[in-house]
PDB file of all heavy atoms in Angstrom:
ATOM      1  N   ALA A   1       0.825  -1.210   0.000  1.00  0.00           N
ATOM      2  CA  ALA A   1       0.000   0.000   0.000  1.00  0.00           C
ATOM      3  C   ALA A   1       0.857   1.257   0.000  1.00  0.00           C
ATOM      4  O   ALA A   1       0.561   2.239  -0.690  1.00  0.00           O
ATOM      5  CB  ALA A   1      -0.927  -0.017   1.214  1.00  0.00           C
ATOM      6  N   ALA A   2       1.946   1.249   0.779  1.00  0.00           N
ATOM      7  CA  ALA A   2       2.788   2.435   0.889  1.00  0.00           C
ATOM      8  C   ALA A   2       3.562   2.715  -0.385  1.00  0.00           C
ATOM      9  O   ALA A   2       3.820   3.872  -0.729  1.00  0.00           O
ATOM     10  CB  ALA A   2       3.753   2.265   2.062  1.00  0.00           C
ATOM     11  N   LEU A   3       3.946   1.655  -1.103  1.00  0.00           N
ATOM     12  CA  LEU A   3       4.797   1.822  -2.277  1.00  0.00           C
ATOM     13  C   LEU A   3       4.027   1.972  -3.579  1.00  0.00           C
ATOM     14  O   LEU A   3       4.622   2.192  -4.627  1.00  0.00           O
ATOM     15  CB  LEU A   3       5.744   0.624  -2.395  1.00  0.00           C
ATOM     16  CG  LEU A   3       6.781   0.493  -1.277  1.00  0.00           C
ATOM     17  CD1 LEU A   3       7.566  -0.798  -1.452  1.00  0.00           C
ATOM     18  CD2 LEU A   3       7.708   1.684  -1.231  1.00  0.00           C
ATOM     19  N   ALA A   4       2.686   1.868  -3.525  1.00  0.00           N
ATOM     20  CA  ALA A   4       1.892   1.964  -4.748  1.00  0.00           C
ATOM     21  C   ALA A   4       2.180   3.225  -5.554  1.00  0.00           C
ATOM     22  O   ALA A   4       2.370   3.159  -6.774  1.00  0.00           O
ATOM     23  CB  ALA A   4       0.395   1.872  -4.418  1.00  0.00           C
ATOM     24  N   PRO A   5       2.236   4.421  -4.928  1.00  0.00           N
ATOM     25  CA  PRO A   5       2.511   5.617  -5.740  1.00  0.00           C
ATOM     26  C   PRO A   5       3.884   5.579  -6.405  1.00  0.00           C
ATOM     27  O   PRO A   5       4.076   6.134  -7.478  1.00  0.00           O
ATOM     28  CB  PRO A   5       2.421   6.760  -4.715  1.00  0.00           C
ATOM     29  CG  PRO A   5       1.625   6.208  -3.585  1.00  0.00           C
ATOM     30  CD  PRO A   5       1.996   4.759  -3.519  1.00  0.00           C
ATOM     31  N   ILE A   6       4.858   4.925  -5.755  1.00  0.00           N
ATOM     32  CA  ILE A   6       6.194   4.821  -6.342  1.00  0.00           C
ATOM     33  C   ILE A   6       6.173   3.864  -7.519  1.00  0.00           C
ATOM     34  O   ILE A   6       6.770   4.125  -8.569  1.00  0.00           O
ATOM     35  CB  ILE A   6       7.202   4.354  -5.275  1.00  0.00           C
ATOM     36  CG1 ILE A   6       7.346   5.432  -4.196  1.00  0.00           C
ATOM     37  CG2 ILE A   6       8.556   4.025  -5.896  1.00  0.00           C
ATOM     38  CD1 ILE A   6       8.200   5.006  -3.024  1.00  0.00           C
ATOM     39  N   GLN A   7       5.453   2.762  -7.388  1.00  0.00           N
ATOM     40  CA  GLN A   7       5.420   1.776  -8.460  1.00  0.00           C
ATOM     41  C   GLN A   7       4.786   2.334  -9.722  1.00  0.00           C
ATOM     42  O   GLN A   7       5.214   2.011 -10.830  1.00  0.00           O
ATOM     43  CB  GLN A   7       4.665   0.533  -7.997  1.00  0.00           C
ATOM     44  CG  GLN A   7       5.445  -0.274  -6.962  1.00  0.00           C
ATOM     45  CD  GLN A   7       4.670  -1.485  -6.503  1.00  0.00           C
ATOM     46  OE1 GLN A   7       3.497  -1.394  -6.171  1.00  0.00           O
ATOM     47  NE2 GLN A   7       5.318  -2.628  -6.494  1.00  0.00           N
ATOM     48  N   THR A   8       3.775   3.197  -9.591  1.00  0.00           N
ATOM     49  CA  THR A   8       3.139   3.746 -10.784  1.00  0.00           C
ATOM     50  C   THR A   8       4.051   4.716 -11.512  1.00  0.00           C
ATOM     51  O   THR A   8       3.827   5.033 -12.670  1.00  0.00           O
ATOM     52  CB  THR A   8       1.828   4.474 -10.425  1.00  0.00           C
ATOM     53  OG1 THR A   8       2.098   5.504  -9.467  1.00  0.00           O
ATOM     54  CG2 THR A   8       0.804   3.507  -9.871  1.00  0.00           C
ATOM     55  N   ARG A   9       5.118   5.209 -10.850  1.00  0.00           N
ATOM     56  CA  ARG A   9       6.022   6.163 -11.490  1.00  0.00           C
ATOM     57  C   ARG A   9       7.409   5.568 -11.670  1.00  0.00           C
ATOM     58  O   ARG A   9       8.395   6.280 -11.716  1.00  0.00           O
ATOM     59  CB  ARG A   9       6.115   7.445 -10.645  1.00  0.00           C
ATOM     60  CG  ARG A   9       4.799   8.182 -10.511  1.00  0.00           C
ATOM     61  CD  ARG A   9       5.011   9.609 -10.031  1.00  0.00           C
ATOM     62  NE  ARG A   9       5.660   9.669  -8.731  1.00  0.00           N
ATOM     63  CZ  ARG A   9       5.030   9.632  -7.569  1.00  0.00           C
ATOM     64  NH1 ARG A   9       3.711   9.513  -7.546  1.00  0.00           N
ATOM     65  NH2 ARG A   9       5.689   9.720  -6.434  1.00  0.00           N
ATOM     66  N   ASP A  10       7.474   4.232 -11.755  1.00  0.00           N
ATOM     67  CA  ASP A  10       8.761   3.548 -11.884  1.00  0.00           C
ATOM     68  C   ASP A  10       8.957   3.078 -13.313  1.00  0.00           C
ATOM     69  O   ASP A  10       8.436   2.035 -13.709  1.00  0.00           O
ATOM     70  CB  ASP A  10       8.802   2.350 -10.916  1.00  0.00           C
ATOM     71  CG  ASP A  10      10.002   1.447 -11.175  1.00  0.00           C
ATOM     72  OD1 ASP A  10      10.989   1.936 -11.764  1.00  0.00           O
ATOM     73  OD2 ASP A  10       9.942   0.271 -10.795  1.00  0.00           O
ATOM     74  N   PRO A  11       9.708   3.812 -14.148  1.00  0.00           N
ATOM     75  CA  PRO A  11       9.922   3.395 -15.530  1.00  0.00           C
ATOM     76  C   PRO A  11      10.863   2.209 -15.665  1.00  0.00           C
ATOM     77  O   PRO A  11      10.975   1.618 -16.734  1.00  0.00           O
ATOM     78  CB  PRO A  11      10.508   4.648 -16.179  1.00  0.00           C
ATOM     79  CG  PRO A  11      11.212   5.357 -15.069  1.00  0.00           C
ATOM     80  CD  PRO A  11      10.382   5.099 -13.840  1.00  0.00           C
ATOM     81  N   THR A  12      11.581   1.844 -14.586  1.00  0.00           N
ATOM     82  CA  THR A  12      12.530   0.732 -14.659  1.00  0.00           C
ATOM     83  C   THR A  12      11.842  -0.618 -14.575  1.00  0.00           C
ATOM     84  O   THR A  12      12.384  -1.624 -15.007  1.00  0.00           O
ATOM     85  CB  THR A  12      13.555   0.815 -13.506  1.00  0.00           C
ATOM     86  OG1 THR A  12      12.894   0.529 -12.265  1.00  0.00           O
ATOM     87  CG2 THR A  12      14.192   2.184 -13.441  1.00  0.00           C
ATOM     88  N   GLY A  13      10.664  -0.680 -13.928  1.00  0.00           N
ATOM     89  CA  GLY A  13       9.991  -1.948 -13.710  1.00  0.00           C
ATOM     90  C   GLY A  13      10.545  -2.737 -12.541  1.00  0.00           C
ATOM     91  O   GLY A  13      10.000  -3.770 -12.158  1.00  0.00           O
ATOM     92  N   LEU A  14      11.618  -2.260 -11.914  1.00  0.00           N
ATOM     93  CA  LEU A  14      12.258  -3.019 -10.838  1.00  0.00           C
ATOM     94  C   LEU A  14      11.393  -3.116  -9.586  1.00  0.00           C
ATOM     95  O   LEU A  14      11.505  -4.072  -8.817  1.00  0.00           O
ATOM     96  CB  LEU A  14      13.605  -2.377 -10.476  1.00  0.00           C
ATOM     97  CG  LEU A  14      14.706  -2.521 -11.530  1.00  0.00           C
ATOM     98  CD1 LEU A  14      15.918  -1.682 -11.141  1.00  0.00           C
ATOM     99  CD2 LEU A  14      15.098  -3.967 -11.724  1.00  0.00           C
ATOM    100  N   SER A  15      10.523  -2.128  -9.369  1.00  0.00           N
ATOM    101  CA  SER A  15       9.692  -2.183  -8.168  1.00  0.00           C
ATOM    102  C   SER A  15       8.740  -3.367  -8.199  1.00  0.00           C
ATOM    103  O   SER A  15       8.249  -3.810  -7.167  1.00  0.00           O
ATOM    104  CB  SER A  15       8.908  -0.881  -7.990  1.00  0.00           C
ATOM    105  OG  SER A  15       8.077  -0.652  -9.111  1.00  0.00           O
ATOM    106  N   GLY A  16       8.479  -3.914  -9.395  1.00  0.00           N
ATOM    107  CA  GLY A  16       7.648  -5.099  -9.490  1.00  0.00           C
ATOM    108  C   GLY A  16       8.301  -6.336  -8.906  1.00  0.00           C
ATOM    109  O   GLY A  16       7.654  -7.350  -8.701  1.00  0.00           O
ATOM    110  N   LEU A  17       9.605  -6.255  -8.616  1.00  0.00           N
ATOM    111  CA  LEU A  17      10.311  -7.384  -8.019  1.00  0.00           C
ATOM    112  C   LEU A  17      10.184  -7.428  -6.508  1.00  0.00           C
ATOM    113  O   LEU A  17      10.622  -8.378  -5.873  1.00  0.00           O
ATOM    114  CB  LEU A  17      11.803  -7.315  -8.390  1.00  0.00           C
ATOM    115  CG  LEU A  17      12.119  -7.342  -9.886  1.00  0.00           C
ATOM    116  CD1 LEU A  17      13.624  -7.169 -10.098  1.00  0.00           C
ATOM    117  CD2 LEU A  17      11.622  -8.609 -10.534  1.00  0.00           C
ATOM    118  N   LEU A  18       9.611  -6.387  -5.910  1.00  0.00           N
ATOM    119  CA  LEU A  18       9.488  -6.345  -4.458  1.00  0.00           C
ATOM    120  C   LEU A  18       8.590  -7.478  -3.963  1.00  0.00           C
ATOM    121  O   LEU A  18       7.510  -7.707  -4.497  1.00  0.00           O
ATOM    122  CB  LEU A  18       8.898  -5.000  -4.018  1.00  0.00           C
ATOM    123  CG  LEU A  18       9.798  -3.790  -4.206  1.00  0.00           C
ATOM    124  CD1 LEU A  18       8.982  -2.512  -4.037  1.00  0.00           C
ATOM    125  CD2 LEU A  18      10.940  -3.809  -3.207  1.00  0.00           C
ATOM    126  N   PRO A  19       9.009  -8.214  -2.915  1.00  0.00           N
ATOM    127  CA  PRO A  19       8.198  -9.301  -2.378  1.00  0.00           C
ATOM    128  C   PRO A  19       7.109  -8.760  -1.469  1.00  0.00           C
ATOM    129  O   PRO A  19       7.289  -8.629  -0.267  1.00  0.00           O
ATOM    130  CB  PRO A  19       9.228 -10.139  -1.593  1.00  0.00           C
ATOM    131  CG  PRO A  19      10.260  -9.138  -1.163  1.00  0.00           C
ATOM    132  CD  PRO A  19      10.316  -8.093  -2.246  1.00  0.00           C
ATOM    133  N   LEU A  20       5.950  -8.453  -2.042  1.00  0.00           N
ATOM    134  CA  LEU A  20       4.924  -7.735  -1.296  1.00  0.00           C
ATOM    135  C   LEU A  20       3.733  -8.599  -0.910  1.00  0.00           C
ATOM    136  O   LEU A  20       2.681  -8.078  -0.567  1.00  0.00           O
ATOM    137  CB  LEU A  20       4.443  -6.534  -2.129  1.00  0.00           C
ATOM    138  CG  LEU A  20       5.524  -5.493  -2.435  1.00  0.00           C
ATOM    139  CD1 LEU A  20       4.945  -4.389  -3.293  1.00  0.00           C
ATOM    140  CD2 LEU A  20       6.119  -4.926  -1.162  1.00  0.00           C
ATOM    141  N   GLY A  21       3.859  -9.913  -0.960  1.00  0.00           N
ATOM    142  CA  GLY A  21       2.781 -10.767  -0.500  1.00  0.00           C
ATOM    143  C   GLY A  21       1.603 -10.785  -1.463  1.00  0.00           C
ATOM    144  O   GLY A  21       1.718 -10.457  -2.637  1.00  0.00           O
ATOM    145  N   ASN A  22       0.431 -11.167  -0.934  1.00  0.00           N
ATOM    146  CA  ASN A  22      -0.762 -11.316  -1.764  1.00  0.00           C
ATOM    147  C   ASN A  22      -1.449  -9.971  -1.943  1.00  0.00           C
ATOM    148  O   ASN A  22      -2.558  -9.731  -1.458  1.00  0.00           O
ATOM    149  CB  ASN A  22      -1.716 -12.324  -1.120  1.00  0.00           C
ATOM    150  CG  ASN A  22      -1.147 -13.725  -1.121  1.00  0.00           C
ATOM    151  OD1 ASN A  22      -0.358 -14.063  -1.985  1.00  0.00           O
ATOM    152  ND2 ASN A  22      -1.541 -14.533  -0.150  1.00  0.00           N
ATOM    153  N   THR A  23      -0.797  -9.077  -2.636  1.00  0.00           N
ATOM    154  CA  THR A  23      -1.356  -7.767  -2.903  1.00  0.00           C
ATOM    155  C   THR A  23      -0.968  -7.330  -4.301  1.00  0.00           C
ATOM    156  O   THR A  23      -0.037  -7.875  -4.888  1.00  0.00           O
ATOM    157  CB  THR A  23      -0.869  -6.739  -1.864  1.00  0.00           C
ATOM    158  OG1 THR A  23      -1.590  -5.519  -2.023  1.00  0.00           O
ATOM    159  CG2 THR A  23       0.616  -6.466  -2.002  1.00  0.00           C
ATOM    160  N   PHE A  24      -1.703  -6.376  -4.846  1.00  0.00           N
ATOM    161  CA  PHE A  24      -1.450  -5.947  -6.214  1.00  0.00           C
ATOM    162  C   PHE A  24      -0.176  -5.133  -6.329  1.00  0.00           C
ATOM    163  O   PHE A  24       0.157  -4.343  -5.451  1.00  0.00           O
ATOM    164  CB  PHE A  24      -2.618  -5.102  -6.721  1.00  0.00           C
ATOM    165  CG  PHE A  24      -3.806  -5.917  -7.139  1.00  0.00           C
ATOM    166  CD1 PHE A  24      -4.804  -6.243  -6.228  1.00  0.00           C
ATOM    167  CD2 PHE A  24      -3.935  -6.374  -8.437  1.00  0.00           C
ATOM    168  CE1 PHE A  24      -5.906  -6.996  -6.608  1.00  0.00           C
ATOM    169  CE2 PHE A  24      -5.021  -7.128  -8.829  1.00  0.00           C
ATOM    170  CZ  PHE A  24      -6.009  -7.440  -7.903  1.00  0.00           C
ATOM    171  N   ARG A  25       0.559  -5.330  -7.423  1.00  0.00           N
ATOM    172  CA  ARG A  25       1.617  -4.422  -7.833  1.00  0.00           C
ATOM    173  C   ARG A  25       0.984  -3.423  -8.813  1.00  0.00           C
ATOM    174  O   ARG A  25      -0.068  -3.684  -9.380  1.00  0.00           O
ATOM    175  CB  ARG A  25       2.757  -5.157  -8.545  1.00  0.00           C
ATOM    176  CG  ARG A  25       3.742  -5.853  -7.618  1.00  0.00           C
ATOM    177  CD  ARG A  25       3.149  -6.981  -6.828  1.00  0.00           C
ATOM    178  NE  ARG A  25       4.187  -7.870  -6.304  1.00  0.00           N
ATOM    179  CZ  ARG A  25       3.961  -8.822  -5.427  1.00  0.00           C
ATOM    180  NH1 ARG A  25       2.736  -9.017  -4.967  1.00  0.00           N
ATOM    181  NH2 ARG A  25       4.947  -9.597  -5.007  1.00  0.00           N
ATOM    182  N   TYR A  26       1.623  -2.305  -8.980  1.00  0.00           N
ATOM    183  CA  TYR A  26       1.030  -1.234  -9.765  1.00  0.00           C
ATOM    184  C   TYR A  26       1.937  -0.927 -10.948  1.00  0.00           C
ATOM    185  O   TYR A  26       3.047  -0.452 -10.764  1.00  0.00           O
ATOM    186  CB  TYR A  26       0.823   0.010  -8.900  1.00  0.00           C
ATOM    187  CG  TYR A  26      -0.104  -0.235  -7.738  1.00  0.00           C
ATOM    188  CD1 TYR A  26       0.359  -0.854  -6.583  1.00  0.00           C
ATOM    189  CD2 TYR A  26      -1.445   0.134  -7.799  1.00  0.00           C
ATOM    190  CE1 TYR A  26      -0.488  -1.098  -5.515  1.00  0.00           C
ATOM    191  CE2 TYR A  26      -2.300  -0.112  -6.735  1.00  0.00           C
ATOM    192  CZ  TYR A  26      -1.812  -0.728  -5.601  1.00  0.00           C
ATOM    193  OH  TYR A  26      -2.652  -0.973  -4.547  1.00  0.00           O
ATOM    194  N   TYR A  27       1.438  -1.202 -12.165  1.00  0.00           N
ATOM    195  CA  TYR A  27       2.244  -1.027 -13.356  1.00  0.00           C
ATOM    196  C   TYR A  27       1.612  -0.004 -14.298  1.00  0.00           C
ATOM    197  O   TYR A  27       0.393   0.075 -14.426  1.00  0.00           O
ATOM    198  CB  TYR A  27       2.366  -2.344 -14.133  1.00  0.00           C
ATOM    199  CG  TYR A  27       3.061  -3.451 -13.398  1.00  0.00           C
ATOM    200  CD1 TYR A  27       2.384  -4.616 -13.073  1.00  0.00           C
ATOM    201  CD2 TYR A  27       4.396  -3.351 -13.047  1.00  0.00           C
ATOM    202  CE1 TYR A  27       3.019  -5.651 -12.408  1.00  0.00           C
ATOM    203  CE2 TYR A  27       5.045  -4.387 -12.383  1.00  0.00           C
ATOM    204  CZ  TYR A  27       4.351  -5.528 -12.070  1.00  0.00           C
ATOM    205  OH  TYR A  27       4.978  -6.559 -11.412  1.00  0.00           O
ATOM    206  N   SER A  28       2.452   0.745 -14.974  1.00  0.00           N
ATOM    207  CA  SER A  28       2.025   1.575 -16.084  1.00  0.00           C
ATOM    208  C   SER A  28       3.090   1.468 -17.167  1.00  0.00           C
ATOM    209  O   SER A  28       4.271   1.655 -16.886  1.00  0.00           O
ATOM    210  CB  SER A  28       1.869   3.040 -15.657  1.00  0.00           C
ATOM    211  OG  SER A  28       1.827   3.882 -16.786  1.00  0.00           O
ATOM    212  N   VAL A  29       2.674   1.168 -18.396  1.00  0.00           N
ATOM    213  CA  VAL A  29       3.648   1.026 -19.472  1.00  0.00           C
ATOM    214  C   VAL A  29       4.149   2.380 -19.954  1.00  0.00           C
ATOM    215  O   VAL A  29       5.094   2.447 -20.738  1.00  0.00           O
ATOM    216  CB  VAL A  29       3.058   0.226 -20.658  1.00  0.00           C
ATOM    217  CG1 VAL A  29       2.632  -1.159 -20.207  1.00  0.00           C
ATOM    218  CG2 VAL A  29       1.903   0.971 -21.314  1.00  0.00           C
ATOM    219  N   THR A  30       3.536   3.460 -19.504  1.00  0.00           N
ATOM    220  CA  THR A  30       3.942   4.799 -19.930  1.00  0.00           C
ATOM    221  C   THR A  30       4.679   5.570 -18.848  1.00  0.00           C
ATOM    222  O   THR A  30       5.078   6.708 -19.079  1.00  0.00           O
ATOM    223  CB  THR A  30       2.714   5.625 -20.351  1.00  0.00           C
ATOM    224  OG1 THR A  30       1.851   5.784 -19.213  1.00  0.00           O
ATOM    225  CG2 THR A  30       1.971   4.951 -21.480  1.00  0.00           C
ATOM    226  N   GLY A  31       4.879   4.989 -17.659  1.00  0.00           N
ATOM    227  CA  GLY A  31       5.525   5.701 -16.560  1.00  0.00           C
ATOM    228  C   GLY A  31       4.560   6.546 -15.756  1.00  0.00           C
ATOM    229  O   GLY A  31       4.948   7.184 -14.790  1.00  0.00           O
ATOM    230  N   GLY A  32       3.274   6.527 -16.095  1.00  0.00           N
ATOM    231  CA  GLY A  32       2.259   7.294 -15.388  1.00  0.00           C
ATOM    232  C   GLY A  32       1.097   7.592 -16.311  1.00  0.00           C
ATOM    233  O   GLY A  32       1.246   7.657 -17.525  1.00  0.00           O
ATOM    234  N   VAL A  33      -0.079   7.759 -15.739  1.00  0.00           N
ATOM    235  CA  VAL A  33      -1.298   7.959 -16.527  1.00  0.00           C
ATOM    236  C   VAL A  33      -2.110   9.086 -15.897  1.00  0.00           C
ATOM    237  O   VAL A  33      -2.330   9.089 -14.683  1.00  0.00           O
ATOM    238  CB  VAL A  33      -2.152   6.674 -16.566  1.00  0.00           C
ATOM    239  CG1 VAL A  33      -3.391   6.868 -17.436  1.00  0.00           C
ATOM    240  CG2 VAL A  33      -1.338   5.498 -17.064  1.00  0.00           C
ATOM    241  N   ASP A  34      -2.565  10.030 -16.716  1.00  0.00           N
ATOM    242  CA  ASP A  34      -3.443  11.075 -16.217  1.00  0.00           C
ATOM    243  C   ASP A  34      -4.734  10.466 -15.690  1.00  0.00           C
ATOM    244  O   ASP A  34      -5.337   9.605 -16.349  1.00  0.00           O
ATOM    245  CB  ASP A  34      -3.783  12.070 -17.322  1.00  0.00           C
ATOM    246  CG  ASP A  34      -2.624  12.998 -17.642  1.00  0.00           C
ATOM    247  OD1 ASP A  34      -1.836  13.289 -16.727  1.00  0.00           O
ATOM    248  OD2 ASP A  34      -2.517  13.423 -18.808  1.00  0.00           O
ATOM    249  N   GLU A  35      -5.171  10.917 -14.540  1.00  0.00           N
ATOM    250  CA  GLU A  35      -6.423  10.419 -13.970  1.00  0.00           C
ATOM    251  C   GLU A  35      -7.599  10.993 -14.744  1.00  0.00           C
ATOM    252  O   GLU A  35      -7.614  12.177 -15.079  1.00  0.00           O
ATOM    253  CB  GLU A  35      -6.506  10.794 -12.492  1.00  0.00           C
ATOM    254  CG  GLU A  35      -7.644  10.127 -11.760  1.00  0.00           C
ATOM    255  CD  GLU A  35      -7.501  10.192 -10.257  1.00  0.00           C
ATOM    256  OE1 GLU A  35      -6.431  10.600  -9.778  1.00  0.00           O
ATOM    257  OE2 GLU A  35      -8.468   9.811  -9.558  1.00  0.00           O
ATOM    258  N   GLN A  36      -8.580  10.154 -15.029  1.00  0.00           N
ATOM    259  CA  GLN A  36      -9.754  10.591 -15.776  1.00  0.00           C
ATOM    260  C   GLN A  36     -10.948  10.691 -14.843  1.00  0.00           C
ATOM    261  O   GLN A  36     -11.274   9.750 -14.124  1.00  0.00           O
ATOM    262  CB  GLN A  36     -10.058   9.638 -16.926  1.00  0.00           C
ATOM    263  CG  GLN A  36     -11.143  10.156 -17.841  1.00  0.00           C
ATOM    264  CD  GLN A  36     -11.115   9.460 -19.185  1.00  0.00           C
ATOM    265  OE1 GLN A  36     -12.143   8.958 -19.648  1.00  0.00           O
ATOM    266  NE2 GLN A  36      -9.980   9.409 -19.840  1.00  0.00           N
ATOM    267  N   ASP A  37     -11.607  11.841 -14.870  1.00  0.00           N
ATOM    268  CA  ASP A  37     -12.775  12.062 -14.025  1.00  0.00           C
ATOM    269  C   ASP A  37     -13.909  11.142 -14.459  1.00  0.00           C
ATOM    270  O   ASP A  37     -14.182  10.982 -15.657  1.00  0.00           O
ATOM    271  CB  ASP A  37     -13.220  13.520 -14.139  1.00  0.00           C
ATOM    272  CG  ASP A  37     -14.418  13.807 -13.261  1.00  0.00           C
ATOM    273  OD1 ASP A  37     -14.215  14.030 -12.052  1.00  0.00           O
ATOM    274  OD2 ASP A  37     -15.556  13.785 -13.784  1.00  0.00           O
ATOM    275  N   ALA A  38     -14.568  10.518 -13.480  1.00  0.00           N
ATOM    276  CA  ALA A  38     -15.621   9.567 -13.789  1.00  0.00           C
ATOM    277  C   ALA A  38     -16.737  10.209 -14.601  1.00  0.00           C
ATOM    278  O   ALA A  38     -17.354   9.566 -15.459  1.00  0.00           O
ATOM    279  CB  ALA A  38     -16.178   8.970 -12.496  1.00  0.00           C
ATOM    280  N   GLY A  39     -17.007  11.495 -14.365  1.00  0.00           N
ATOM    281  CA  GLY A  39     -18.062  12.165 -15.107  1.00  0.00           C
ATOM    282  C   GLY A  39     -17.738  12.392 -16.571  1.00  0.00           C
ATOM    283  O   GLY A  39     -18.638  12.526 -17.404  1.00  0.00           O
ATOM    284  N   ASP A  40     -16.455  12.436 -16.897  1.00  0.00           N
ATOM    285  CA  ASP A  40     -16.027  12.654 -18.283  1.00  0.00           C
ATOM    286  C   ASP A  40     -15.708  11.354 -19.016  1.00  0.00           C
ATOM    287  O   ASP A  40     -15.414  11.381 -20.211  1.00  0.00           O
ATOM    288  CB  ASP A  40     -14.780  13.550 -18.313  1.00  0.00           C
ATOM    289  CG  ASP A  40     -15.059  14.948 -17.775  1.00  0.00           C
ATOM    290  OD1 ASP A  40     -16.208  15.418 -17.915  1.00  0.00           O
ATOM    291  OD2 ASP A  40     -14.133  15.551 -17.217  1.00  0.00           O
ATOM    292  N   TYR A  41     -15.761  10.234 -18.308  1.00  0.00           N
ATOM    293  CA  TYR A  41     -15.337   8.967 -18.899  1.00  0.00           C
ATOM    294  C   TYR A  41     -16.273   8.557 -20.037  1.00  0.00           C
ATOM    295  O   TYR A  41     -17.497   8.670 -19.942  1.00  0.00           O
ATOM    296  CB  TYR A  41     -15.324   7.867 -17.841  1.00  0.00           C
ATOM    297  CG  TYR A  41     -14.972   6.512 -18.408  1.00  0.00           C
ATOM    298  CD1 TYR A  41     -13.647   6.173 -18.660  1.00  0.00           C
ATOM    299  CD2 TYR A  41     -15.975   5.596 -18.739  1.00  0.00           C
ATOM    300  CE1 TYR A  41     -13.325   4.946 -19.220  1.00  0.00           C
ATOM    301  CE2 TYR A  41     -15.657   4.367 -19.286  1.00  0.00           C
ATOM    302  CZ  TYR A  41     -14.331   4.049 -19.535  1.00  0.00           C
ATOM    303  OH  TYR A  41     -14.020   2.833 -20.096  1.00  0.00           O
ATOM    304  N   ARG A  42     -15.660   8.028 -21.127  1.00  0.00           N
ATOM    305  CA  ARG A  42     -16.418   7.466 -22.234  1.00  0.00           C
ATOM    306  C   ARG A  42     -15.727   6.192 -22.715  1.00  0.00           C
ATOM    307  O   ARG A  42     -14.498   6.148 -22.834  1.00  0.00           O
ATOM    308  CB  ARG A  42     -16.510   8.457 -23.407  1.00  0.00           C
ATOM    309  CG  ARG A  42     -17.231   9.764 -23.072  1.00  0.00           C
ATOM    310  CD  ARG A  42     -18.713   9.555 -22.791  1.00  0.00           C
ATOM    311  NE  ARG A  42     -19.402  10.821 -22.586  1.00  0.00           N
ATOM    312  CZ  ARG A  42     -19.500  11.446 -21.413  1.00  0.00           C
ATOM    313  NH1 ARG A  42     -18.911  10.927 -20.332  1.00  0.00           N
ATOM    314  NH2 ARG A  42     -20.160  12.587 -21.315  1.00  0.00           N
ATOM    315  N   LEU A  43     -16.520   5.179 -23.000  1.00  0.00           N
ATOM    316  CA  LEU A  43     -16.010   3.929 -23.557  1.00  0.00           C
ATOM    317  C   LEU A  43     -16.607   3.760 -24.953  1.00  0.00           C
ATOM    318  O   LEU A  43     -17.822   3.613 -25.112  1.00  0.00           O
ATOM    319  CB  LEU A  43     -16.409   2.739 -22.679  1.00  0.00           C
ATOM    320  CG  LEU A  43     -16.072   1.347 -23.212  1.00  0.00           C
ATOM    321  CD1 LEU A  43     -14.575   1.190 -23.440  1.00  0.00           C
ATOM    322  CD2 LEU A  43     -16.591   0.262 -22.271  1.00  0.00           C
ATOM    323  N   SER A  44     -15.757   3.789 -25.954  1.00  0.00           N
ATOM    324  CA  SER A  44     -16.227   3.672 -27.330  1.00  0.00           C
ATOM    325  C   SER A  44     -16.224   2.211 -27.775  1.00  0.00           C
ATOM    326  O   SER A  44     -15.356   1.434 -27.396  1.00  0.00           O
ATOM    327  CB  SER A  44     -15.350   4.505 -28.268  1.00  0.00           C
ATOM    328  OG  SER A  44     -14.048   3.958 -28.346  1.00  0.00           O
ATOM    329  N   VAL A  45     -17.224   1.856 -28.579  1.00  0.00           N
ATOM    330  CA  VAL A  45     -17.302   0.550 -29.226  1.00  0.00           C
ATOM    331  C   VAL A  45     -17.413   0.821 -30.716  1.00  0.00           C
ATOM    332  O   VAL A  45     -18.363   1.486 -31.170  1.00  0.00           O
ATOM    333  CB  VAL A  45     -18.500  -0.271 -28.723  1.00  0.00           C
ATOM    334  CG1 VAL A  45     -18.490  -1.659 -29.369  1.00  0.00           C
ATOM    335  CG2 VAL A  45     -18.491  -0.388 -27.207  1.00  0.00           C
ATOM    336  N   SER A  46     -16.450   0.320 -31.487  1.00  0.00           N
ATOM    337  CA  SER A  46     -16.359   0.703 -32.888  1.00  0.00           C
ATOM    338  C   SER A  46     -15.850  -0.466 -33.722  1.00  0.00           C
ATOM    339  O   SER A  46     -15.732  -1.589 -33.256  1.00  0.00           O
ATOM    340  CB  SER A  46     -15.418   1.909 -33.034  1.00  0.00           C
ATOM    341  OG  SER A  46     -14.103   1.562 -32.624  1.00  0.00           O
TER     342      SER A  46
END
């Protein structure tokens, strides 16, 4: 829980090696993602 913000901003991917038990690791392939407001969210089907 404490390292989640660091993992989302880790471009090396090394933080995914941390032995953190049965909990989620946090990955972004871009090094970070802008948060999208739920009211503005749209899902397109095309």
